[in-house]
Amino acid sequence: MRSIGWTTAAVLAAIGMTGCNGVVSRVHKGRVGDVIDQKPERRGYIEAIGIGASEPTIPTETQRKALSRDAAIVKAQYELLSMIKGVELEGGITVSQAMEKDSLLTARVKDTIRGAEILKSEFTSDGGCVVTLRLPRYKLEEELGAKLR
């Protein structure tokens, strides 16, 4: 009986620790909050969120959710790209300026963004979706071939 207690305690401790570092929930009681507090940089990662919706006349809930999630992913990728373009590289130029001069770099950055990890997909009561994407800074630095400031 004592080992079950220790096992349970260990599991609860692990869940508690992951909850502290988990993804912030953006949907509460089926709604997206009126204020979204977004911190784009978190411990070596860049995070972006996207909110998507689908056509309400689509016949099934599954189809509506799939389309709203796809729309949210595309929006989060766009937000991530916008954030990355403004980042300053060693040498004082921005990623956007570097991308203007190098089409291969542009392709690599876009591929990196497409490979960003989807941390969380949350659905709203009206069929909308909020997606949180995360991209490790080291992956972006590898693709850029430069340190980020």
Protein backbone atom coordinates (compact mmCIF):
# COMPACT_ATOMS: atom_id res chain seq x y z
CA MET A 1 0.00 0.00 0.00
CA ARG A 2 2.87 2.34 0.80
CA SER A 3 4.43 1.99 -2.68
CA ILE A 4 1.15 2.96 -4.30
CA GLY A 5 1.16 6.14 -2.23
CA TRP A 6 4.70 6.99 -3.35
CA THR A 7 3.87 6.24 -6.98
CA THR A 8 0.77 8.40 -6.83
CA ALA A 9 2.74 11.20 -5.19
CA ALA A 10 5.43 10.97 -7.88
CA VAL A 11 2.87 11.13 -10.68
CA LEU A 12 1.11 14.10 -9.10
CA ALA A 13 4.42 15.90 -8.62
CA ALA A 14 5.33 15.31 -12.27
CA ILE A 15 1.96 16.61 -13.43
CA GLY A 16 2.31 19.64 -11.18
CA MET A 17 5.76 20.46 -12.53
CA THR A 18 4.68 20.19 -16.14
CA GLY A 19 1.68 22.41 -15.42
CA CYS A 20 3.96 25.23 -14.31
CA ASN A 21 5.86 25.17 -17.59
CA GLY A 22 2.91 24.26 -19.81
CA VAL A 23 1.23 26.24 -22.50
CA VAL A 24 -1.01 29.04 -21.34
CA SER A 25 -4.67 28.32 -22.02
CA ARG A 26 -6.21 30.96 -24.28
CA VAL A 27 -9.78 29.62 -24.18
CA HIS A 28 -11.84 29.80 -21.00
CA LYS A 29 -15.41 28.54 -20.74
CA GLY A 30 -15.55 28.16 -24.52
CA ARG A 31 -14.46 31.74 -25.26
CA VAL A 32 -11.28 33.50 -26.28
CA GLY A 33 -10.54 36.15 -23.68
CA ASP A 34 -10.90 39.84 -24.45
CA VAL A 35 -7.19 40.31 -23.72
CA ILE A 36 -4.53 37.91 -24.94
CA ASP A 37 -1.26 38.25 -23.08
CA GLN A 38 1.37 36.94 -25.46
CA LYS A 39 5.03 36.69 -24.56
CA PRO A 40 6.77 35.73 -27.80
CA GLU A 41 10.04 34.60 -26.21
CA ARG A 42 10.03 31.87 -23.58
CA ARG A 43 13.20 30.10 -22.40
CA GLY A 44 14.91 29.62 -25.74
CA TYR A 45 11.74 29.43 -27.80
CA ILE A 46 9.70 31.83 -29.88
CA GLU A 47 5.95 31.32 -29.52
CA ALA A 48 3.08 32.59 -31.64
CA ILE A 49 -0.64 32.11 -31.50
CA GLY A 50 -3.23 32.06 -34.25
CA ILE A 51 -7.00 32.26 -34.06
CA GLY A 52 -9.05 30.71 -36.82
CA ALA A 53 -12.68 30.14 -37.72
CA SER A 54 -14.55 28.21 -40.35
CA GLU A 55 -17.67 28.76 -42.36
CA PRO A 56 -20.57 28.12 -39.95
CA THR A 57 -22.70 26.54 -42.70
CA ILE A 58 -20.34 23.58 -43.09
CA PRO A 59 -22.47 20.53 -42.22
CA THR A 60 -20.42 18.72 -39.56
CA GLU A 61 -18.69 19.85 -36.40
CA THR A 62 -15.61 17.80 -37.30
CA GLN A 63 -15.23 19.61 -40.64
CA ARG A 64 -15.71 23.01 -38.99
CA LYS A 65 -13.11 22.19 -36.32
CA ALA A 66 -10.62 20.89 -38.89
CA LEU A 67 -10.94 24.02 -41.01
CA SER A 68 -10.78 26.40 -38.06
CA ARG A 69 -7.66 24.62 -36.79
CA ASP A 70 -6.02 24.82 -40.23
CA ALA A 71 -6.84 28.55 -40.38
CA ALA A 72 -5.39 29.05 -36.87
CA ILE A 73 -2.17 27.23 -37.82
CA VAL A 74 -1.70 29.41 -40.92
CA LYS A 75 -2.34 32.55 -38.88
CA ALA A 76 0.13 31.46 -36.17
CA GLN A 77 2.76 30.74 -38.84
CA TYR A 78 2.20 34.22 -40.28
CA GLU A 79 2.58 35.74 -36.81
CA LEU A 80 5.77 33.74 -36.24
CA LEU A 81 7.19 34.94 -39.56
CA SER A 82 6.35 38.55 -38.69
CA MET A 83 8.14 38.21 -35.35
CA ILE A 84 11.19 36.57 -36.91
CA LYS A 85 11.49 39.21 -39.65
CA GLY A 86 11.95 41.89 -36.99
CA VAL A 87 14.74 40.06 -35.16
CA GLU A 88 18.14 41.68 -35.37
CA LEU A 89 21.14 39.57 -36.36
CA GLU A 90 24.79 39.99 -35.54
CA GLY A 91 26.02 42.80 -37.73
CA GLY A 92 22.98 44.96 -37.08
CA ILE A 93 20.68 43.85 -39.90
CA THR A 94 17.24 42.38 -39.42
CA VAL A 95 16.13 38.97 -40.65
CA SER A 96 13.79 40.77 -43.05
CA GLN A 97 16.72 42.64 -44.62
CA ALA A 98 18.74 39.42 -44.91
CA MET A 99 15.78 37.63 -46.53
CA GLU A 100 15.45 40.41 -49.15
CA LYS A 101 19.00 39.71 -50.29
CA ASP A 102 18.91 35.91 -50.19
CA SER A 103 16.03 33.88 -51.67
CA LEU A 104 17.54 30.63 -50.36
CA LEU A 105 17.46 32.07 -46.84
CA THR A 106 13.82 33.03 -47.37
CA ALA A 107 12.98 29.44 -48.30
CA ARG A 108 14.88 28.06 -45.28
CA VAL A 109 13.13 30.42 -42.87
CA LYS A 110 9.71 29.51 -44.27
CA ASP A 111 10.53 25.78 -44.03
CA THR A 112 11.65 26.27 -40.43
CA ILE A 113 8.38 28.00 -39.59
CA ARG A 114 6.36 25.21 -41.21
CA GLY A 115 8.25 22.83 -38.93
CA ALA A 116 7.34 24.74 -35.75
CA GLU A 117 5.84 22.56 -33.04
CA ILE A 118 2.11 22.84 -32.47
CA LEU A 119 1.92 22.99 -28.69
CA LYS A 120 -1.78 23.34 -28.21
CA SER A 121 -5.03 23.52 -30.17
CA GLU A 122 -8.01 24.83 -28.23
CA PHE A 123 -11.53 24.94 -29.59
CA THR A 124 -14.12 27.52 -28.68
CA SER A 125 -17.79 26.79 -28.14
CA ASP A 126 -18.62 28.38 -31.51
CA GLY A 127 -16.21 26.10 -33.44
CA GLY A 128 -13.26 28.49 -33.59
CA CYS A 129 -9.73 27.43 -32.73
CA VAL A 130 -6.69 28.92 -31.02
CA VAL A 131 -3.33 27.34 -31.85
CA THR A 132 -0.02 27.94 -30.07
CA LEU A 133 3.17 27.31 -32.09
CA ARG A 134 6.70 27.09 -30.70
CA LEU A 135 10.01 27.34 -32.53
CA PRO A 136 13.33 26.70 -30.76
CA ARG A 137 15.71 29.65 -31.15
CA TYR A 138 18.60 27.30 -31.89
CA LYS A 139 16.77 25.90 -34.96
CA LEU A 140 16.24 29.38 -36.30
CA GLU A 141 19.86 30.31 -35.63
CA GLU A 142 21.00 27.16 -37.45
CA GLU A 143 18.91 28.06 -40.50
CA LEU A 144 20.05 31.68 -40.47
CA GLY A 145 23.68 30.77 -39.87
CA ALA A 146 23.92 33.60 -37.34
CA LYS A 147 23.27 34.36 -33.69
CA LEU A 148 20.11 36.28 -32.86
CA ARG A 149 20.33 39.38 -30.75
